[in-house]
Protein backbone atom coordinates (compact mmCIF):
# COMPACT_ATOMS: atom_id res chain seq x y z
CA MET A 1 -115.58 -29.69 0.21
CA LEU A 2 -113.27 -29.51 -2.82
CA GLU A 3 -113.36 -25.71 -2.92
CA GLU A 4 -112.27 -25.55 0.76
CA ILE A 5 -109.42 -27.85 0.08
CA PHE A 6 -108.45 -25.84 -3.05
CA LYS A 7 -108.65 -22.58 -1.04
CA ILE A 8 -106.39 -23.95 1.71
CA LYS A 9 -103.72 -25.21 -0.94
CA THR A 10 -103.82 -21.78 -2.56
CA GLU A 11 -103.26 -19.92 0.72
CA HIS A 12 -100.40 -22.34 1.48
CA GLN A 13 -98.79 -21.73 -1.97
CA LYS A 14 -99.03 -17.88 -1.39
CA GLY A 15 -97.30 -18.20 2.03
CA ALA A 16 -94.46 -20.36 0.45
CA ILE A 17 -93.95 -17.79 -2.24
CA LEU A 18 -93.81 -15.02 0.32
CA ILE A 19 -91.24 -16.89 2.34
CA ILE A 20 -89.15 -17.56 -0.78
CA CYS A 21 -89.23 -13.87 -1.67
CA LEU A 22 -88.18 -12.80 1.72
CA VAL A 23 -85.38 -15.33 1.75
CA CYS A 24 -84.19 -14.19 -1.75
CA LEU A 25 -84.35 -10.53 -0.64
CA GLY A 26 -82.39 -11.29 2.50
CA LEU A 27 -79.74 -13.11 0.44
CA LEU A 28 -79.54 -10.33 -2.01
CA ILE A 29 -79.21 -7.84 0.75
CA PHE A 30 -76.47 -10.01 2.31
CA LEU A 31 -74.62 -10.28 -0.94
CA ALA A 32 -74.86 -6.58 -1.52
CA GLY A 33 -73.51 -5.88 1.93
CA TYR A 34 -70.65 -8.34 1.44
CA LEU A 35 -69.81 -6.73 -1.92
CA LEU A 36 -69.85 -3.33 -0.32
CA SER A 37 -67.68 -4.47 2.63
CA PHE A 38 -65.27 -6.22 0.22
CA ALA A 39 -64.98 -2.95 -1.83
CA LEU A 40 -64.42 -0.90 1.27
CA THR A 41 -61.91 -3.34 2.57
CA GLY A 42 -60.07 -3.27 -0.77
CA SER A 43 -60.09 0.56 -0.73
CA LYS A 44 -58.72 0.63 2.78
CA MET A 45 -56.02 -1.91 1.94
CA ALA A 46 -54.97 0.04 -1.10
CA GLN A 47 -54.94 3.23 1.03
CA ALA A 48 -53.02 1.39 3.70
CA GLN A 49 -50.46 0.14 1.21
CA GLU A 50 -50.01 3.63 -0.29
CA LYS A 51 -49.54 5.15 3.13
CA GLY A 52 -47.31 2.38 4.23
CA LEU A 53 -44.99 2.90 1.35
CA LYS A 54 -45.05 6.75 1.98
CA THR A 55 -44.30 6.05 5.74
CA TYR A 56 -41.27 3.92 4.65
CA TYR A 57 -39.87 6.82 2.55
CA LEU A 58 -40.58 9.07 5.50
CA ALA A 59 -38.62 6.96 7.84
CA GLU A 60 -35.67 6.82 5.32
CA ALA A 61 -35.84 10.59 5.13
CA GLY A 62 -35.38 10.76 8.93
CA VAL A 63 -32.39 8.35 8.79
CA ALA A 64 -30.85 10.60 6.04
CA GLU A 65 -31.35 13.79 8.06
CA ALA A 66 -29.86 12.12 11.13
CA ILE A 67 -26.72 11.07 9.14
CA PHE A 68 -26.50 14.52 7.60
CA LYS A 69 -26.52 16.06 11.06
CA PHE A 70 -23.87 13.78 12.28
CA ASN A 71 -21.67 15.03 9.44
CA ASN A 72 -22.65 18.73 9.34
CA ASP A 73 -24.37 19.87 12.61
CA PRO A 74 -21.56 21.03 14.99
CA THR A 75 -23.44 19.88 18.05
CA TRP A 76 -24.16 16.41 16.71
CA LYS A 77 -20.79 16.04 15.04
CA ASN A 78 -18.78 16.99 18.28
CA ALA A 79 -20.89 14.67 20.37
CA PHE A 80 -20.75 11.72 18.01
CA GLU A 81 -17.00 12.10 17.53
CA THR A 82 -16.15 12.30 21.20
CA LEU A 83 -12.69 10.80 21.68
CA PRO A 84 -11.95 8.14 24.25
CA THR A 85 -10.13 9.25 27.39
CA PRO A 86 -8.63 7.30 30.38
CA GLY A 87 -11.57 8.28 32.44
CA ASP A 88 -14.13 7.54 29.83
CA PRO A 89 -12.73 4.88 27.40
CA LEU A 90 -16.12 4.02 25.97
CA CYS A 91 -17.29 7.58 25.38
CA SER A 92 -20.40 7.14 27.45
CA SER A 93 -20.64 10.71 28.42
CA TRP A 94 -22.06 12.08 25.04
CA ALA A 95 -25.82 12.36 24.37
CA ILE A 96 -28.04 13.99 21.70
CA SER A 97 -31.61 15.17 22.54
CA PRO A 98 -34.51 13.77 20.45
CA PHE A 99 -36.09 16.02 17.85
CA SER A 100 -39.18 15.88 15.55
CA ARG A 101 -40.03 17.36 12.27
CA THR A 102 -43.70 18.20 11.38
CA PRO A 103 -44.68 18.32 8.57
CA ALA A 104 -41.91 16.06 7.11
CA LEU A 105 -41.69 15.15 3.40
CA PHE A 106 -45.58 15.09 3.12
CA SER A 107 -48.09 17.59 4.39
CA ASP A 108 -49.61 14.88 6.68
CA GLY A 109 -46.28 13.30 7.65
CA SER A 110 -44.09 13.60 10.75
CA TYR A 111 -41.19 11.78 12.37
CA VAL A 112 -39.30 11.71 15.68
CA VAL A 113 -35.60 10.96 15.82
CA THR A 114 -34.02 9.40 18.83
CA ILE A 115 -30.27 8.89 19.22
CA THR A 116 -28.91 6.23 21.52
CA ASN A 117 -25.19 6.33 22.41
CA LEU A 118 -23.46 3.00 21.68
CA GLY A 119 -19.98 4.10 22.25
CA CYS A 120 -17.16 6.23 20.59
CA ALA A 121 -18.63 7.35 17.12
CA GLN A 122 -21.27 4.60 17.48
CA ALA A 123 -24.93 5.26 17.74
CA GLU A 124 -28.38 3.79 17.10
CA ILE A 125 -30.76 6.06 15.16
CA GLN A 126 -34.45 5.40 15.84
CA ILE A 127 -36.91 6.90 13.42
CA GLU A 128 -40.76 6.75 14.34
CA ALA A 129 -42.43 7.94 11.27
CA LYS A 130 -46.20 8.52 11.02
CA ILE A 131 -48.75 9.66 8.35
CA ALA A 132 -52.26 10.58 9.28
CA LEU A 133 -55.24 8.60 7.81
CA LEU A 134 -58.69 9.73 7.08
CA SER A 135 -60.14 7.53 9.79
CA GLY A 136 -58.18 9.36 12.42
CA PHE A 137 -55.59 6.55 12.78
CA PHE A 138 -51.94 6.67 11.66
CA SER A 139 -49.74 4.67 9.36
CA GLN A 140 -46.63 4.08 11.44
CA ARG A 141 -43.09 2.72 10.62
CA VAL A 142 -40.30 2.50 13.05
CA VAL A 143 -36.74 2.10 11.69
CA LYS A 144 -33.66 1.43 13.80
CA VAL A 145 -30.27 1.87 12.26
CA LYS A 146 -26.85 1.28 13.95
CA VAL A 147 -24.14 3.56 12.38
CA PHE A 148 -20.51 4.17 13.15
CA LYS A 149 -17.26 5.88 12.05
CA ALA A 150 -14.24 3.77 11.88
CA MET A 151 -11.52 4.69 14.33
CA GLY A 152 -8.33 5.64 12.49
CA SER A 153 -5.71 3.12 13.53
CA SER A 154 -2.30 3.96 14.98
CA LEU A 155 0.80 3.45 12.81
CA GLU A 156 2.99 3.22 15.91
CA ASP A 157 4.42 -0.24 14.86
CA TYR A 158 4.54 0.08 11.10
CA ASN A 159 7.23 1.56 8.82
CA VAL A 160 5.21 0.39 5.77
CA PHE A 161 1.48 0.35 6.15
CA LEU A 162 -0.90 -0.77 3.31
CA GLY A 163 -4.42 0.03 4.32
CA GLY A 164 -6.50 -0.93 1.23
CA PRO A 165 -8.98 -3.75 1.76
CA SER A 166 -8.08 -5.76 -1.34
CA GLU A 167 -4.62 -4.62 -2.45
CA ASN A 168 -1.19 -6.38 -2.04
CA LEU A 169 2.31 -5.06 -0.81
CA GLN A 170 4.63 -6.05 -3.73
CA ILE A 171 8.41 -5.78 -3.56
CA ASN A 172 9.95 -6.69 -6.94
CA PHE A 173 13.61 -6.51 -8.12
CA THR A 174 14.46 -4.53 -4.95
CA ASN A 175 17.79 -5.11 -3.06
CA PRO A 176 18.27 -4.19 -0.24
CA PHE A 177 14.97 -3.19 1.39
CA ARG A 178 15.53 -2.56 5.04
CA VAL A 179 12.96 -1.84 7.70
CA HIS A 180 14.27 -0.53 11.02
CA ASP A 181 12.72 -0.51 14.34
CA GLY A 182 9.26 -1.60 13.09
CA SER A 183 7.15 -3.79 10.89
CA LEU A 184 5.40 -4.20 7.53
CA PHE A 185 1.63 -4.48 7.43
CA SER A 186 -0.82 -5.27 4.66
CA ASN A 187 -4.49 -5.98 4.84
CA LYS A 188 -4.14 -8.46 2.01
CA ALA A 189 -1.00 -10.12 0.78
CA ILE A 190 2.80 -9.42 1.02
CA ARG A 191 4.69 -10.67 -2.09
CA VAL A 192 8.59 -10.55 -2.22
CA GLN A 193 9.62 -11.36 -5.76
CA ASN A 194 12.52 -11.60 -8.27
CA LEU A 195 15.83 -11.33 -6.56
CA SER A 196 14.48 -8.99 -3.81
CA TYR A 197 16.15 -8.86 -0.40
CA VAL A 198 13.98 -7.64 2.45
CA GLU A 199 15.06 -7.28 6.07
CA VAL A 200 12.52 -6.36 8.71
CA ASP A 201 13.64 -5.68 12.37
CA ASN A 202 10.19 -7.00 13.74
CA LYS A 203 7.37 -8.41 11.90
CA ALA A 204 5.82 -8.82 8.43
CA LEU A 205 2.10 -9.05 8.89
CA ALA A 206 -0.48 -9.85 6.14
CA GLY A 207 -4.18 -10.40 6.28
CA GLN A 208 -3.77 -13.15 3.73
CA ASN A 209 -0.53 -14.93 2.50
CA ILE A 210 3.14 -13.96 2.60
CA SER A 211 4.98 -15.32 -0.53
CA VAL A 212 8.71 -15.20 -1.27
CA THR A 213 9.64 -16.25 -4.75
CA GLY A 214 12.17 -15.78 -7.59
CA PHE A 215 15.34 -16.24 -5.46
CA SER A 216 14.16 -13.59 -3.02
CA GLN A 217 14.77 -13.45 0.78
CA LEU A 218 12.52 -12.20 3.57
CA ILE A 219 14.23 -11.84 6.92
CA ALA A 220 11.36 -11.03 9.34
CA THR A 221 8.95 -12.64 11.89
CA SER A 222 6.22 -13.52 9.33
CA CYS A 223 2.70 -13.65 10.61
CA ALA A 224 -0.09 -14.37 8.01
CA SER A 225 -2.70 -16.97 6.96
CA ASN A 226 -0.02 -19.30 5.60
CA VAL A 227 2.71 -18.79 8.09
CA CYS A 228 2.85 -18.13 11.90
CA GLU A 229 6.50 -18.00 13.04
CA ALA A 230 7.73 -18.00 16.61
CA GLY A 231 7.26 -14.50 17.89
CA CYS A 232 3.73 -14.08 16.30
CA ASP A 233 0.66 -13.91 18.47
CA ALA A 234 -1.04 -16.91 16.98
CA GLY A 235 -4.52 -15.85 18.17
CA ASN A 236 -4.38 -12.30 16.86
CA GLU A 237 -1.66 -12.14 14.21
CA CYS A 238 -1.99 -15.28 12.10
CA PRO A 239 -3.54 -13.65 10.33
CA PRO A 240 -3.91 -10.10 11.82
CA GLU A 241 -7.34 -8.43 11.78
CA ALA A 242 -8.02 -5.84 8.96
CA VAL A 243 -6.93 -2.22 9.84
CA SER A 244 -8.69 0.81 8.38
CA MET A 245 -6.58 3.39 6.45
CA PRO A 246 -6.11 6.42 8.65
CA SER A 247 -7.34 9.54 7.11
CA ILE A 248 -5.58 12.87 6.66
CA ASP A 249 -7.47 16.10 6.62
CA PHE A 250 -6.47 17.60 3.37
CA ASP A 251 -9.28 20.14 2.57
CA SER A 252 -12.13 20.01 4.93
CA GLY A 253 -11.65 23.65 5.59
CA GLU A 254 -11.40 23.15 9.33
CA VAL A 255 -8.60 25.14 11.10
CA SER A 256 -6.63 21.78 11.38
CA SER A 257 -6.96 20.92 7.67
CA TYR A 258 -3.75 21.24 5.66
CA ILE A 259 -5.50 23.59 3.06
CA TYR A 260 -6.48 25.94 5.79
CA GLN A 261 -2.89 26.06 7.06
CA ALA A 262 -1.43 26.70 3.75
CA ALA A 263 -3.84 29.57 3.16
CA VAL A 264 -2.64 31.39 6.36
CA ASP A 265 1.10 30.35 6.07
CA ASP A 266 3.72 32.76 4.49
CA CYS A 267 5.42 31.86 1.25
CA SER A 268 6.17 35.45 0.07
CA SER A 269 9.96 34.63 0.12
CA VAL A 270 9.56 32.29 -2.86
CA ARG A 271 6.60 33.88 -4.65
CA SER A 272 6.85 36.77 -7.28
CA ASP A 273 3.08 36.94 -8.19
CA GLY A 274 1.99 39.30 -5.41
CA LYS A 275 0.44 36.61 -3.27
CA THR A 276 1.90 35.74 0.13
CA ASN A 277 0.19 32.44 1.25
CA CYS A 278 1.35 28.87 0.57
CA LEU A 279 -1.69 27.78 -1.35
CA PHE A 280 -0.74 27.26 -5.02
CA THR A 281 -2.35 26.14 -8.22
CA PRO A 282 -0.28 23.67 -10.16
CA ASN A 283 0.84 26.44 -12.67
CA GLU A 284 1.82 28.73 -9.81
CA PHE A 285 4.03 26.18 -8.22
CA GLU A 286 5.56 25.38 -11.61
CA THR A 287 6.49 28.97 -11.95
CA VAL A 288 8.05 29.11 -8.59
CA MET A 289 10.20 25.96 -9.37
CA TRP A 290 11.23 27.45 -12.79
CA ASP A 291 12.24 30.76 -11.16
CA ASN A 292 14.26 28.90 -8.46
CA TYR A 293 16.27 26.39 -10.52
CA PRO A 294 18.01 24.12 -9.73
CA LEU A 295 17.46 24.55 -6.09
CA LEU A 296 14.18 25.52 -4.40
CA SER A 297 14.17 25.47 -0.60
CA LEU A 298 10.60 26.22 0.70
CA PRO A 299 10.04 28.35 3.98
CA SER A 300 10.45 26.59 7.20
CA ASN A 301 7.55 25.23 9.20
CA VAL A 302 4.97 25.98 6.67
CA VAL A 303 2.31 23.73 4.75
CA VAL A 304 2.59 24.08 0.99
CA TYR A 305 -0.74 22.91 -0.54
CA ILE A 306 -0.97 22.49 -4.38
CA THR A 307 -4.58 22.32 -5.77
CA GLY A 308 -3.77 19.63 -8.33
CA ASP A 309 -0.83 17.55 -9.48
CA PHE A 310 2.82 18.01 -8.46
CA ASN A 311 5.52 16.98 -10.81
CA LEU A 312 9.23 17.13 -9.86
CA ARG A 313 11.51 16.73 -12.86
CA ALA A 314 14.35 17.81 -15.09
CA GLY A 315 17.11 18.45 -12.49
CA GLN A 316 14.98 20.36 -10.15
CA ASN A 317 16.06 19.95 -6.48
CA LEU A 318 13.45 20.69 -3.82
CA VAL A 319 13.81 20.94 -0.15
CA ILE A 320 10.62 20.85 1.88
CA ASN A 321 10.87 22.34 5.39
CA GLY A 322 7.71 20.91 6.68
CA VAL A 323 4.73 19.54 4.61
CA LEU A 324 3.87 19.52 0.92
CA ALA A 325 0.41 18.25 0.14
CA ALA A 326 -1.11 17.79 -3.34
CA ASP A 327 -4.81 17.75 -4.01
CA ARG A 328 -4.20 15.06 -6.77
CA ASP A 329 -1.15 13.15 -7.91
CA ILE A 330 2.58 13.42 -6.95
CA SER A 331 5.29 12.44 -9.52
CA LEU A 332 8.91 12.44 -8.76
CA GLY A 333 11.64 11.95 -11.39
CA GLU A 334 9.63 10.53 -14.14
CA ASP A 335 10.53 13.14 -16.73
CA LEU A 336 14.12 13.80 -17.84
CA CYS A 337 13.31 17.13 -19.49
CA TRP A 338 10.96 20.18 -18.91
CA THR A 339 10.03 22.72 -21.41
CA SER A 340 8.62 26.24 -20.80
CA SER A 341 7.76 29.39 -22.77
CA ASN A 342 10.34 31.19 -20.52
CA PRO A 343 14.11 31.21 -21.13
CA PRO A 344 16.00 28.93 -21.22
CA PHE A 345 12.95 27.07 -22.69
CA VAL A 346 14.19 23.58 -21.85
CA ARG A 347 15.91 21.92 -18.88
CA CYS A 348 17.02 18.36 -18.38
CA GLY A 349 18.58 16.32 -15.59
CA SER A 350 17.90 14.14 -12.54
CA SER A 351 16.13 15.60 -9.56
CA ARG A 352 16.53 15.36 -5.86
CA LEU A 353 13.85 15.69 -3.11
CA GLN A 354 14.49 16.31 0.64
CA VAL A 355 11.97 16.77 3.40
CA VAL A 356 13.23 18.24 6.57
CA ARG A 357 11.18 18.32 9.92
CA PRO A 358 11.36 21.75 11.34
CA GLY A 359 12.08 22.34 15.07
CA THR A 360 12.51 19.44 17.48
CA PRO A 361 10.22 16.54 18.17
CA ALA A 362 8.94 18.27 21.26
CA ASP A 363 7.57 21.04 19.06
CA ASN A 364 5.24 18.45 17.38
CA PHE A 365 5.53 20.07 13.90
CA PRO A 366 4.34 17.83 11.01
CA ALA A 367 6.50 16.95 8.12
CA GLY A 368 6.06 14.94 5.05
CA LEU A 369 5.03 14.43 1.46
CA LEU A 370 1.26 13.87 1.22
CA SER A 371 -0.75 12.86 -1.91
CA LYS A 372 -4.60 12.81 -1.87
CA ARG A 373 -4.48 10.42 -4.76
CA LYS A 374 -1.60 8.74 -6.48
CA PHE A 375 2.31 8.82 -5.67
CA SER A 376 4.98 7.59 -8.07
CA THR A 377 8.75 7.84 -8.77
CA GLY A 378 10.78 7.28 -11.84
CA ALA A 379 14.33 6.73 -13.03
CA TRP A 380 15.41 10.34 -12.95
CA LEU A 381 15.87 10.78 -9.15
CA ASP A 382 19.61 11.78 -8.54
CA ILE A 383 21.12 8.71 -10.28
CA GLY A 384 23.82 7.13 -7.99
CA GLY A 385 23.08 9.62 -5.15
CA GLU A 386 20.57 10.16 -2.40
CA GLY A 387 17.62 11.19 -4.49
CA PHE A 388 14.85 10.77 -1.97
CA ASN A 389 15.60 11.75 1.63
CA VAL A 390 12.58 12.33 3.84
CA ASN A 391 12.21 12.94 7.51
CA GLY A 392 8.51 12.59 7.83
CA LEU A 393 5.49 10.79 6.52
CA VAL A 394 5.06 9.68 2.82
CA TYR A 395 1.21 9.25 2.34
CA SER A 396 -0.88 8.40 -0.57
CA GLY A 397 -4.75 8.15 -0.54
CA ASP A 398 -4.64 5.71 -3.48
CA GLU A 399 -1.77 3.79 -5.15
CA MET A 400 1.87 4.33 -4.31
CA ARG A 401 4.53 3.17 -6.73
CA PHE A 402 8.29 3.35 -6.24
CA SER A 403 9.84 2.28 -9.47
CA SER A 404 13.15 2.28 -11.35
CA VAL A 405 15.04 4.40 -8.96
CA ALA A 406 18.79 4.06 -9.06
CA ALA A 407 19.37 6.47 -6.15
CA SER A 408 19.14 5.41 -2.54
CA VAL A 409 15.89 6.07 -0.69
CA LEU A 410 16.03 7.06 3.01
CA ILE A 411 12.80 7.69 5.01
CA ARG A 412 12.80 8.49 8.72
CA GLY A 413 9.00 8.33 9.46
CA ALA A 414 6.76 5.87 7.69
CA ILE A 415 4.92 5.01 4.42
CA ALA A 416 1.24 4.72 4.19
CA GLY A 417 -1.02 3.97 1.20
CA ARG A 418 -3.89 1.98 -0.05
CA LYS A 419 -1.74 0.00 -2.44
CA ILE A 420 2.12 0.06 -2.41
CA THR A 421 4.50 -1.42 -4.95
CA PHE A 422 8.35 -1.20 -4.94
CA SER A 423 10.01 -2.32 -8.28
CA SER A 424 13.49 -2.17 -9.63
CA MET A 425 14.88 -0.31 -6.63
CA TRP A 426 18.62 -1.24 -6.92
CA GLY A 427 20.00 1.82 -5.00
CA GLY A 428 18.51 0.48 -1.74
CA ILE A 429 15.71 1.55 0.62
CA ASP A 430 15.97 2.15 4.35
CA ILE A 431 12.90 3.07 6.35
CA TYR A 432 13.41 4.10 10.00
CA LEU A 433 10.33 4.25 12.05
CA ASP A 434 9.79 7.64 13.63
CA VAL A 435 6.48 7.41 15.59
CA ASP A 436 6.55 11.04 16.74
CA VAL A 437 6.60 12.67 13.28
CA VAL A 438 4.02 10.13 12.06
CA VAL A 439 1.50 10.93 14.67
CA ASP A 440 2.10 14.80 14.41
CA THR A 441 1.54 14.62 10.60
CA PHE A 442 -1.58 12.41 10.80
CA LYS A 443 -2.72 15.08 13.36
CA ASN A 444 -4.76 12.63 15.32
CA ALA A 445 -7.26 11.98 12.52
CA GLN A 446 -9.13 9.53 14.78
CA TYR A 447 -12.26 9.01 12.79
CA SER A 448 -12.94 8.24 9.19
CA PRO A 449 -15.08 10.82 7.42
CA ILE A 450 -17.43 8.14 6.21
CA ILE A 451 -20.47 7.02 8.39
CA THR A 452 -21.07 3.28 7.89
CA ILE A 453 -24.37 1.66 8.33
CA GLU A 454 -23.96 -1.57 10.38
CA HIS A 455 -27.43 -2.74 10.94
CA TRP A 456 -30.92 -1.88 9.79
CA GLU A 457 -34.15 -3.15 11.15
CA GLU A 458 -37.89 -2.14 10.78
CA GLU A 459 -40.99 -2.36 12.95
CA TYR A 460 -44.63 -1.76 11.68
């Protein structure tokens, strides 16, 4: 009896051990499977993260290529820069076909570029970038970017236009300063200081404040953040919206650029170096001035382009019958004397500059003095006379400074610069707005050369 009971217990114990072993084995198999699954998931996540980063770079490459094509591909550029017309003021007619690149950036990468017309020089770039995975799936990134080119603003109302985003128009120790048939405009402040007298036929507009201090006077309809006189459009001019600086095509190489025109114009009548075009290095133009002292009258209806600085000094009188453009800075009357290795070795005196517009307004010829960088004047501009007489546009891509000029200044056209300062101008300044010559000299440079990214969004 006892033996049978012991035998039954032993068999029960063996069965329990077997069950425990099976449970432990199942648990080990489950843990091993979980560990393997965790390792595989981690590997996939690492691969996905790596591919996702690559896909992002791939999408960025697609955006960069699209922007490059907007600037350099003739088909894309001409479509994107379609100008508004009365029949199509929103430029809705242009379109660019989608294109793809395979492989792109990586051997397993590709992207498709789709362009959506949003208006005149406005577009949405959509990049659908993909990188193939080993599983047969794809890592995908969709990027949408809105881009635009600023529309060059018209200067039809402004005798003096200051287009820098953070610079002031300063008039200091200047009497009289008269603006005829037009207005003053500054994206930031207008400051009339220290015994200055400013008379404007129309408006003085400033994106920030207009201040008149130091026993000065400003006779104008003032429209700004701190003042909104009768005659201002309170909703739009107090203050006015910022206006981008219009661009001038100095040296793009296009047929309409000034450097191209100078290269094909004829200046053989004033050159003695065997060349005939009107494209000068600074040293070449210095030689022309030295050889034609004291009066140099440039050929009519040509563009003279100097690939560097231009310095008028030491009693040199210059008549520009059209356009003189400088690749760098323009300096007028800042030096009393001028030395050279050629006889008479030194010359001194006060200088005079005159710009004449060739033809008639109906001919649409440009005229002016154009500096790609800075523009400045000094004390040695025809003391007591009319040292600066311009029928055209005076333009500076950077800072413009009229300073210490005892001669009178007469401009029939307009002045445009990023930052403009008038200081110690006791001979008087008169600026008569001539819209026709301003438009013809800007040459309808409607769009900025810079493409601006307005909005960027991503989808996974």
